[in-house]
Amino acid sequence: MLYIRRECVIALPPAIALYLALSVNMCFGLDDNISEYMTVAELYQSCKVPAPCGKKLECEGRKVLVSGLIDWDNVFDKKTYPNLPYQKFTLHDEDSTTSIEVWADPTQENRIFDDIYQHRSRSQNRTYVEGVVTGIDLPIMGPCKRMIRIDLGRGSSVSFK
């Protein structure tokens, strides 16, 4: 099941559109319910990664809701590492076998990392990320693979429960 939320435009009579909005909910985004969040593995499965390099994935550019645990060895922000040209952290599933990088705009003041560090003592609490899927080509030994990351921008959020 594909959980990717995006703006939906459907030409239906108003009564049917309202019924679908209330029943499907994830497409119309009426309620940011925790049940709408997917795991990292579910995101990878819905985006069909790894994929061949150079070919845009269907999920690229879409807003997603993903939940997982923060890998505390992979949190890199400008306050702690001022010479890095990026800010990011890694989110993984509970079994730690599947992870994804979550990138924040390094040119912006990001209070996200302040919030992340405040929740470090509760490291087993789930983190909920709302961001946009970006495809990246990873040249590795053998064939190049297309993978994904989550970019945080306007309208993005990171929360803890």
Protein backbone atom coordinates (compact mmCIF):
# COMPACT_ATOMS: atom_id res chain seq x y z
CA MET A 1 0.00 0.00 0.00
CA LEU A 2 1.41 3.39 -0.97
CA TYR A 3 1.12 5.88 1.90
CA ILE A 4 2.69 8.84 0.15
CA ARG A 5 0.61 11.95 0.81
CA ARG A 6 0.21 14.52 -1.90
CA GLU A 7 -2.31 17.01 -3.11
CA CYS A 8 -5.08 15.17 -4.92
CA VAL A 9 -7.34 16.54 -7.60
CA ILE A 10 -10.31 14.34 -8.37
CA ALA A 11 -13.29 15.27 -10.55
CA LEU A 12 -16.14 13.73 -8.57
CA PRO A 13 -19.52 14.95 -7.33
CA PRO A 14 -19.11 16.77 -3.98
CA ALA A 15 -20.89 14.12 -1.91
CA ILE A 16 -18.64 11.33 -3.23
CA ALA A 17 -15.51 13.48 -2.88
CA LEU A 18 -16.40 14.22 0.76
CA TYR A 19 -17.02 10.52 1.46
CA LEU A 20 -13.64 9.62 -0.06
CA ALA A 21 -11.92 12.42 1.84
CA LEU A 22 -13.29 11.16 5.14
CA SER A 23 -12.57 7.50 4.39
CA VAL A 24 -9.23 7.71 2.63
CA ASN A 25 -7.99 10.74 4.58
CA MET A 26 -4.31 10.24 3.71
CA CYS A 27 -4.80 11.62 0.22
CA PHE A 28 -6.64 14.72 1.31
CA GLY A 29 -4.51 15.30 4.41
CA LEU A 30 -7.38 16.28 6.72
CA ASP A 31 -5.75 14.76 9.78
CA ASP A 32 -2.08 14.06 10.45
CA ASN A 33 -2.80 10.85 12.25
CA ILE A 34 0.11 8.69 13.44
CA SER A 35 -1.38 5.74 11.54
CA GLU A 36 -0.46 7.58 8.30
CA TYR A 37 3.26 7.36 9.06
CA MET A 38 5.19 4.56 7.38
CA THR A 39 8.41 2.86 8.39
CA VAL A 40 11.63 3.37 6.46
CA ALA A 41 11.28 -0.12 4.96
CA GLU A 42 7.75 0.68 3.78
CA LEU A 43 9.00 3.90 2.17
CA TYR A 44 11.76 2.00 0.35
CA GLN A 45 9.26 -0.60 -0.81
CA SER A 46 6.76 2.00 -2.04
CA CYS A 47 9.53 3.89 -3.90
CA LYS A 48 10.93 0.63 -5.33
CA VAL A 49 14.55 1.29 -4.34
CA PRO A 50 17.27 0.50 -5.06
CA ALA A 51 16.69 1.36 -8.71
CA PRO A 52 18.94 2.03 -11.73
CA CYS A 53 20.84 5.33 -11.68
CA GLY A 54 19.74 8.34 -13.68
CA LYS A 55 16.07 7.41 -13.80
CA LYS A 56 13.71 9.54 -11.69
CA LEU A 57 11.65 7.52 -9.24
CA GLU A 58 7.88 7.96 -9.15
CA CYS A 59 7.99 9.00 -5.48
CA GLU A 60 10.57 11.79 -5.93
CA GLY A 61 9.26 15.23 -5.02
CA ARG A 62 6.38 13.88 -2.96
CA LYS A 63 5.73 14.70 0.67
CA VAL A 64 6.05 11.66 2.94
CA LEU A 65 5.41 10.86 6.59
CA VAL A 66 7.99 8.45 8.04
CA SER A 67 8.58 7.21 11.57
CA GLY A 68 11.60 5.54 13.10
CA LEU A 69 14.41 5.90 15.60
CA ILE A 70 17.32 8.33 15.35
CA ASP A 71 20.79 6.83 14.92
CA TRP A 72 22.65 9.00 17.44
CA ASP A 73 26.02 8.25 15.83
CA ASN A 74 24.78 9.92 12.65
CA VAL A 75 23.47 13.33 13.69
CA PHE A 76 25.42 16.14 11.98
CA ASP A 77 24.42 19.76 12.52
CA LYS A 78 26.21 23.08 11.97
CA LYS A 79 26.47 23.89 15.68
CA THR A 80 28.38 20.69 16.46
CA TYR A 81 30.22 20.39 13.13
CA PRO A 82 30.54 23.97 11.76
CA ASN A 83 32.81 22.98 8.84
CA LEU A 84 30.36 20.53 7.29
CA PRO A 85 28.51 21.79 4.20
CA TYR A 86 25.35 19.91 5.21
CA GLN A 87 23.08 19.08 8.14
CA LYS A 88 21.51 15.67 8.42
CA PHE A 89 20.56 12.78 10.66
CA THR A 90 19.78 9.13 10.05
CA LEU A 91 16.42 7.56 10.85
CA HIS A 92 16.17 3.77 11.10
CA ASP A 93 13.52 1.15 11.73
CA GLU A 94 13.34 -0.58 15.09
CA ASP A 95 15.37 -3.57 13.89
CA SER A 96 18.12 -1.16 12.66
CA THR A 97 18.39 -2.93 9.30
CA THR A 98 16.83 -0.19 7.17
CA SER A 99 17.76 3.49 7.45
CA ILE A 100 17.37 6.73 5.55
CA GLU A 101 19.15 10.06 5.73
CA VAL A 102 17.09 13.14 6.59
CA TRP A 103 18.69 16.35 5.29
CA ALA A 104 18.02 19.87 6.55
CA ASP A 105 18.88 23.01 4.59
CA PRO A 106 22.31 24.11 5.90
CA THR A 107 21.63 27.75 5.00
CA GLN A 108 18.63 27.93 7.32
CA GLU A 109 18.55 28.26 11.09
CA ASN A 110 17.37 24.80 12.09
CA ARG A 111 15.81 24.39 15.49
CA ILE A 112 15.12 20.80 14.47
CA PHE A 113 18.53 19.78 15.78
CA ASP A 114 17.90 21.55 19.10
CA ASP A 115 14.71 19.48 19.43
CA ILE A 116 16.56 16.32 18.44
CA TYR A 117 19.22 16.84 21.11
CA GLN A 118 16.55 17.60 23.73
CA HIS A 119 15.02 14.17 23.05
CA ARG A 120 18.31 12.27 23.14
CA SER A 121 17.69 11.01 26.67
CA ARG A 122 14.55 9.34 25.34
CA SER A 123 16.42 7.70 22.46
CA GLN A 124 14.00 4.78 22.20
CA ASN A 125 11.06 7.12 21.50
CA ARG A 126 9.86 7.21 17.93
CA THR A 127 10.64 10.18 15.73
CA TYR A 128 8.11 11.35 13.16
CA VAL A 129 9.40 13.11 10.05
CA GLU A 130 7.43 14.95 7.39
CA GLY A 131 9.54 15.87 4.37
CA VAL A 132 10.04 15.51 0.63
CA VAL A 133 11.60 12.51 -1.10
CA THR A 134 14.73 13.26 -3.13
CA GLY A 135 16.45 10.73 -5.37
CA ILE A 136 20.23 10.34 -5.28
CA ASP A 137 22.55 8.30 -7.49
CA LEU A 138 25.10 6.25 -5.55
CA PRO A 139 27.97 5.06 -7.70
CA ILE A 140 29.30 1.98 -5.94
CA MET A 141 31.46 -0.96 -6.91
CA GLY A 142 29.42 -2.57 -9.65
CA PRO A 143 26.30 -0.94 -11.06
CA CYS A 144 25.23 2.50 -9.84
CA LYS A 145 22.11 2.49 -7.64
CA ARG A 146 19.41 5.14 -7.25
CA MET A 147 18.36 5.60 -3.64
CA ILE A 148 16.35 8.18 -1.73
CA ARG A 149 16.66 10.60 1.16
CA ILE A 150 14.19 12.91 2.88
CA ASP A 151 14.71 16.66 2.59
CA LEU A 152 13.30 19.00 5.20
CA GLY A 153 12.10 22.35 3.93
CA ARG A 154 9.15 24.67 4.33
CA GLY A 155 6.20 22.77 5.69
CA SER A 156 8.44 19.96 6.96
CA SER A 157 8.46 18.81 10.54
CA VAL A 158 10.15 16.53 13.01
CA SER A 159 8.25 15.47 16.12
CA PHE A 160 8.67 12.99 18.95
CA LYS A 161 6.19 10.79 20.76
